[in-house]
């Protein structure tokens, strides 16, 4: 009998301490705020960079001068569906994937 009355006495005190639904929302607020900050600081800028890179790759044309992820400079000589052929030296052509292009250079950069 003593134990059951002890549980009955602590139950209302525990409910008041937690604050009900407002207490649980208050404890979730820092977590939600952290995800919002993470989205605006990391995820959104990364998505913007990916969109710009995709647009740059789609706009590649024959004669463009490019830099690959491996640091190879070259001039685009042929464009396929998923690959490019770039000339890295006179008479030396290499096939690369479109996604390997990191930058399009101004005309006359590659000698």
N, C-alpha and C. Protein backbone atom coordinates (compact mmCIF):
# COMPACT_ATOMS: atom_id res chain seq x y z
N UNK A 1 0.80 -1.18 0.00
CA UNK A 1 0.00 0.00 0.00
C UNK A 1 0.85 1.25 0.00
N UNK A 2 1.96 1.22 0.70
CA UNK A 2 2.85 2.37 0.78
C UNK A 2 3.46 2.72 -0.58
N UNK A 3 3.83 1.71 -1.35
CA UNK A 3 4.47 1.94 -2.64
C UNK A 3 3.49 2.56 -3.63
N UNK A 4 2.29 2.06 -3.69
CA UNK A 4 1.32 2.60 -4.64
C UNK A 4 0.99 4.05 -4.33
N UNK A 5 0.92 4.45 -3.09
CA UNK A 5 0.64 5.84 -2.76
C UNK A 5 1.84 6.73 -3.09
N UNK A 6 3.05 6.19 -3.01
CA UNK A 6 4.25 6.96 -3.35
C UNK A 6 4.27 7.26 -4.85
N UNK A 7 3.93 6.29 -5.66
CA UNK A 7 3.86 6.54 -7.10
C UNK A 7 2.78 7.55 -7.44
N UNK A 8 1.68 7.46 -6.76
CA UNK A 8 0.57 8.37 -7.02
C UNK A 8 0.93 9.80 -6.64
N UNK A 9 1.76 9.98 -5.65
CA UNK A 9 2.13 11.33 -5.22
C UNK A 9 3.15 11.96 -6.17
N UNK A 10 4.03 11.18 -6.80
CA UNK A 10 5.06 11.75 -7.67
C UNK A 10 4.57 11.97 -9.09
N UNK A 11 3.52 11.34 -9.50
CA UNK A 11 3.05 11.47 -10.88
C UNK A 11 2.64 12.90 -11.23
N UNK A 12 1.84 13.61 -10.45
CA UNK A 12 1.49 14.98 -10.81
C UNK A 12 2.70 15.91 -10.78
N UNK A 13 3.63 15.70 -9.89
CA UNK A 13 4.81 16.54 -9.81
C UNK A 13 5.67 16.38 -11.06
N UNK A 14 5.79 15.19 -11.57
CA UNK A 14 6.57 14.95 -12.78
C UNK A 14 5.91 15.60 -14.00
N UNK A 15 4.60 15.56 -14.07
CA UNK A 15 3.88 16.17 -15.18
C UNK A 15 4.03 17.69 -15.17
N UNK A 16 4.02 18.30 -13.98
CA UNK A 16 4.18 19.75 -13.87
C UNK A 16 5.60 20.16 -14.22
N UNK A 17 6.59 19.35 -13.89
CA UNK A 17 7.99 19.68 -14.15
C UNK A 17 8.29 19.69 -15.64
N UNK A 18 7.68 18.77 -16.38
CA UNK A 18 7.95 18.70 -17.81
C UNK A 18 7.25 19.81 -18.58
N UNK A 19 6.21 20.37 -18.04
CA UNK A 19 5.51 21.46 -18.71
C UNK A 19 4.55 20.99 -19.77
N UNK A 20 4.27 19.74 -19.85
CA UNK A 20 3.33 19.23 -20.84
C UNK A 20 3.88 19.33 -22.24
N UNK A 21 3.01 19.73 -23.18
CA UNK A 21 3.40 19.79 -24.59
C UNK A 21 4.35 20.94 -24.87
N UNK A 22 4.23 22.02 -24.14
CA UNK A 22 5.13 23.17 -24.35
C UNK A 22 6.57 22.82 -23.95
N UNK A 23 6.72 21.99 -22.95
CA UNK A 23 8.05 21.57 -22.53
C UNK A 23 8.72 20.71 -23.59
N UNK A 24 7.96 19.83 -24.21
CA UNK A 24 8.54 18.98 -25.24
C UNK A 24 8.87 19.78 -26.50
N UNK A 25 8.05 20.77 -26.84
CA UNK A 25 8.35 21.64 -27.99
C UNK A 25 9.58 22.49 -27.72
N UNK A 26 9.71 22.95 -26.50
CA UNK A 26 10.88 23.76 -26.13
C UNK A 26 12.17 22.97 -26.20
N UNK A 27 12.10 21.69 -25.88
CA UNK A 27 13.30 20.87 -25.95
C UNK A 27 13.65 20.49 -27.39
N UNK A 28 12.66 20.51 -28.29
CA UNK A 28 12.90 20.20 -29.70
C UNK A 28 13.39 21.42 -30.48
N UNK A 29 13.14 22.61 -29.96
CA UNK A 29 13.47 23.84 -30.67
C UNK A 29 14.96 23.94 -31.04
N UNK A 30 15.91 23.66 -30.16
CA UNK A 30 17.32 23.74 -30.57
C UNK A 30 17.67 22.77 -31.70
N UNK A 31 17.07 21.60 -31.69
CA UNK A 31 17.34 20.62 -32.74
C UNK A 31 16.81 21.11 -34.09
N UNK A 32 15.60 21.64 -34.10
CA UNK A 32 15.01 22.17 -35.33
C UNK A 32 15.82 23.36 -35.82
N UNK A 33 16.21 24.24 -34.91
CA UNK A 33 17.01 25.41 -35.26
C UNK A 33 18.35 24.99 -35.86
N UNK A 34 18.95 23.93 -35.33
CA UNK A 34 20.22 23.44 -35.85
C UNK A 34 20.07 22.95 -37.29
N UNK A 35 18.99 22.24 -37.61
CA UNK A 35 18.77 21.76 -38.97
C UNK A 35 18.51 22.91 -39.94
N UNK A 36 17.81 23.94 -39.49
CA UNK A 36 17.57 25.11 -40.35
C UNK A 36 18.88 25.81 -40.67
N UNK A 37 19.72 26.01 -39.67
CA UNK A 37 21.02 26.65 -39.89
C UNK A 37 21.89 25.78 -40.79
N UNK A 38 21.89 24.48 -40.57
CA UNK A 38 22.67 23.56 -41.41
C UNK A 38 22.23 23.65 -42.87
N UNK A 39 20.93 23.75 -43.10
CA UNK A 39 20.42 23.85 -44.47
C UNK A 39 20.93 25.11 -45.15
N UNK A 40 20.84 26.25 -44.49
CA UNK A 40 21.23 27.50 -45.12
C UNK A 40 22.73 27.69 -45.21
N UNK A 41 23.51 27.06 -44.34
CA UNK A 41 24.96 27.23 -44.38
C UNK A 41 25.64 26.20 -45.27
N UNK A 42 25.16 24.97 -45.30
CA UNK A 42 25.86 23.92 -46.04
C UNK A 42 25.10 23.38 -47.23
N UNK A 43 23.87 22.99 -47.06
CA UNK A 43 23.14 22.27 -48.11
C UNK A 43 22.76 23.18 -49.26
N UNK A 44 22.21 24.33 -48.98
CA UNK A 44 21.74 25.22 -50.05
C UNK A 44 22.89 25.72 -50.94
N UNK A 45 24.03 26.18 -50.38
CA UNK A 45 25.13 26.60 -51.26
C UNK A 45 25.69 25.45 -52.11
N UNK A 46 25.73 24.24 -51.55
CA UNK A 46 26.21 23.09 -52.31
C UNK A 46 25.28 22.79 -53.48
N UNK A 47 23.98 22.88 -53.26
CA UNK A 47 23.03 22.64 -54.35
C UNK A 47 23.17 23.71 -55.43
N UNK A 48 23.45 24.93 -55.04
CA UNK A 48 23.65 26.02 -56.00
C UNK A 48 24.89 25.76 -56.85
N UNK A 49 25.99 25.32 -56.21
CA UNK A 49 27.21 25.00 -56.96
C UNK A 49 26.99 23.86 -57.94
N UNK A 50 26.25 22.83 -57.52
CA UNK A 50 25.97 21.71 -58.41
C UNK A 50 25.14 22.16 -59.61
N UNK A 51 24.20 23.04 -59.39
CA UNK A 51 23.36 23.54 -60.48
C UNK A 51 24.20 24.35 -61.47
N UNK A 52 25.10 25.19 -60.97
CA UNK A 52 25.98 25.97 -61.84
C UNK A 52 26.92 25.06 -62.63
N UNK A 53 27.46 24.03 -61.99
CA UNK A 53 28.37 23.10 -62.68
C UNK A 53 27.63 22.34 -63.77
N UNK A 54 26.40 21.91 -63.48
CA UNK A 54 25.60 21.20 -64.47
C UNK A 54 25.31 22.10 -65.68
N UNK A 55 25.02 23.38 -65.43
CA UNK A 55 24.76 24.32 -66.52
C UNK A 55 26.02 24.56 -67.35
N UNK A 56 27.18 24.63 -66.68
CA UNK A 56 28.44 24.82 -67.39
C UNK A 56 28.74 23.63 -68.29
N UNK A 57 28.51 22.43 -67.80
CA UNK A 57 28.78 21.22 -68.59
C UNK A 57 27.83 21.14 -69.78
N UNK A 58 26.57 21.51 -69.58
CA UNK A 58 25.60 21.47 -70.68
C UNK A 58 25.96 22.49 -71.77
N UNK A 59 26.59 23.59 -71.39
CA UNK A 59 26.89 24.65 -72.34
C UNK A 59 28.23 24.46 -73.06
N UNK A 60 28.94 23.37 -72.79
CA UNK A 60 30.23 23.15 -73.46
C UNK A 60 30.03 23.02 -74.96
N UNK A 61 30.97 23.60 -75.70
CA UNK A 61 30.91 23.55 -77.16
C UNK A 61 32.30 23.24 -77.70
N UNK A 62 32.34 22.83 -78.95
CA UNK A 62 33.60 22.52 -79.61
C UNK A 62 34.43 23.80 -79.67
N UNK A 63 35.70 23.69 -79.30
CA UNK A 63 36.60 24.83 -79.31
C UNK A 63 36.78 25.48 -77.94
N UNK A 64 35.95 25.12 -76.95
CA UNK A 64 36.12 25.65 -75.60
C UNK A 64 37.40 25.12 -74.99
N UNK A 65 38.04 25.94 -74.18
CA UNK A 65 39.24 25.53 -73.46
C UNK A 65 38.85 25.24 -72.03
N UNK A 66 39.26 24.05 -71.54
CA UNK A 66 38.78 23.57 -70.25
C UNK A 66 39.92 23.06 -69.38
N UNK A 67 39.62 22.92 -68.09
CA UNK A 67 40.51 22.29 -67.12
C UNK A 67 39.74 21.11 -66.54
N UNK A 68 40.40 19.95 -66.43
CA UNK A 68 39.75 18.76 -65.87
C UNK A 68 40.04 18.65 -64.38
N UNK A 69 39.38 17.70 -63.73
CA UNK A 69 39.62 17.48 -62.30
C UNK A 69 41.04 17.04 -62.02
N UNK A 70 41.68 16.43 -62.99
CA UNK A 70 43.07 16.00 -62.84
C UNK A 70 44.07 17.10 -63.12
N UNK A 71 43.59 18.30 -63.49
CA UNK A 71 44.47 19.43 -63.74
C UNK A 71 44.97 19.49 -65.17
N UNK A 72 44.36 18.77 -66.08
CA UNK A 72 44.78 18.77 -67.48
C UNK A 72 44.07 19.90 -68.22
N UNK A 73 44.87 20.72 -68.90
CA UNK A 73 44.32 21.80 -69.73
C UNK A 73 44.16 21.27 -71.14
N UNK A 74 43.08 21.64 -71.81
CA UNK A 74 42.89 21.19 -73.18
C UNK A 74 41.78 21.93 -73.88
N UNK A 75 41.69 21.69 -75.18
CA UNK A 75 40.67 22.31 -76.03
C UNK A 75 39.71 21.22 -76.47
N UNK A 76 38.42 21.46 -76.36
CA UNK A 76 37.40 20.47 -76.74
C UNK A 76 37.40 20.34 -78.26
N UNK A 77 37.56 19.09 -78.73
CA UNK A 77 37.55 18.84 -80.17
C UNK A 77 36.31 18.07 -80.61
N UNK A 78 35.72 17.31 -79.72
CA UNK A 78 34.51 16.56 -80.06
C UNK A 78 33.69 16.38 -78.79
N UNK A 79 32.36 16.39 -78.99
CA UNK A 79 31.45 16.23 -77.85
C UNK A 79 30.55 15.04 -78.11
N UNK A 80 30.55 14.09 -77.15
CA UNK A 80 29.66 12.94 -77.20
C UNK A 80 28.56 13.13 -76.18
N UNK A 81 27.77 12.09 -75.99
CA UNK A 81 26.67 12.19 -75.04
C UNK A 81 27.17 12.27 -73.60
N UNK A 82 28.10 11.43 -73.22
CA UNK A 82 28.60 11.44 -71.85
C UNK A 82 30.08 11.74 -71.75
N UNK A 83 30.72 11.95 -72.89
CA UNK A 83 32.16 12.19 -72.86
C UNK A 83 32.55 13.32 -73.81
N UNK A 84 33.77 13.80 -73.60
CA UNK A 84 34.35 14.84 -74.45
C UNK A 84 35.69 14.33 -74.94
N UNK A 85 36.11 14.82 -76.08
CA UNK A 85 37.47 14.58 -76.54
C UNK A 85 38.16 15.92 -76.48
N UNK A 86 39.27 15.96 -75.74
CA UNK A 86 40.01 17.22 -75.65
C UNK A 86 41.41 17.01 -76.19
N UNK A 87 41.91 18.03 -76.81
CA UNK A 87 43.27 18.02 -77.35
C UNK A 87 44.16 18.69 -76.32
N UNK A 88 45.11 17.91 -75.75
CA UNK A 88 45.97 18.45 -74.72
C UNK A 88 47.31 18.93 -75.27
N UNK A 89 47.65 18.47 -76.45
CA UNK A 89 48.84 18.91 -77.17
C UNK A 89 48.57 18.67 -78.64
N UNK A 90 49.37 19.24 -79.52
CA UNK A 90 49.07 19.04 -80.93
C UNK A 90 49.20 17.57 -81.29
N UNK A 91 48.09 17.03 -81.77
CA UNK A 91 48.04 15.63 -82.17
C UNK A 91 47.72 14.66 -81.03
N UNK A 92 47.61 15.13 -79.80
CA UNK A 92 47.32 14.26 -78.66
C UNK A 92 45.92 14.58 -78.14
N UNK A 93 45.01 13.60 -78.30
CA UNK A 93 43.63 13.79 -77.85
C UNK A 93 43.29 12.76 -76.78
N UNK A 94 42.51 13.19 -75.82
CA UNK A 94 42.13 12.34 -74.70
C UNK A 94 40.62 12.41 -74.56
N UNK A 95 40.00 11.25 -74.28
CA UNK A 95 38.57 11.24 -74.00
C UNK A 95 38.36 11.30 -72.50
N UNK A 96 37.46 12.16 -72.07
CA UNK A 96 37.14 12.29 -70.65
C UNK A 96 35.63 12.32 -70.47
N UNK A 97 35.18 12.10 -69.26
CA UNK A 97 33.76 12.24 -68.96
C UNK A 97 33.42 13.71 -68.85
N UNK A 98 32.19 14.04 -69.18
CA UNK A 98 31.75 15.45 -69.10
C UNK A 98 31.90 16.00 -67.68
N UNK A 99 31.60 15.19 -66.69
CA UNK A 99 31.66 15.64 -65.31
C UNK A 99 33.06 15.93 -64.82
N UNK A 100 34.08 15.51 -65.56
CA UNK A 100 35.46 15.74 -65.16
C UNK A 100 35.92 17.16 -65.46
N UNK A 101 35.11 17.93 -66.18
CA UNK A 101 35.47 19.32 -66.47
C UNK A 101 35.14 20.15 -65.25
N UNK A 102 36.14 20.87 -64.74
CA UNK A 102 35.90 21.70 -63.56
C UNK A 102 35.77 23.18 -63.90
N UNK A 103 36.37 23.59 -65.02
CA UNK A 103 36.37 25.01 -65.33
C UNK A 103 36.49 25.22 -66.83
N UNK A 104 35.79 26.21 -67.34
CA UNK A 104 35.94 26.63 -68.73
C UNK A 104 36.79 27.89 -68.71
N UNK A 105 37.87 27.87 -69.46
CA UNK A 105 38.81 28.98 -69.48
C UNK A 105 38.47 29.97 -70.60
N UNK A 106 38.95 31.21 -70.46
CA UNK A 106 38.76 32.17 -71.57
C UNK A 106 39.56 31.72 -72.80
N UNK A 107 39.11 32.11 -73.97
CA UNK A 107 39.80 31.74 -75.22
C UNK A 107 41.22 32.26 -75.20
N UNK A 108 42.15 31.42 -75.68
CA UNK A 108 43.56 31.80 -75.74
C UNK A 108 44.36 31.44 -74.51
N UNK A 109 43.75 30.81 -73.53
CA UNK A 109 44.47 30.43 -72.31
C UNK A 109 45.37 29.24 -72.52
N UNK A 110 44.94 28.30 -73.33
CA UNK A 110 45.71 27.08 -73.60
C UNK A 110 46.59 27.34 -74.81
N UNK A 111 47.88 27.14 -74.63
CA UNK A 111 48.84 27.36 -75.73
C UNK A 111 49.16 26.06 -76.41
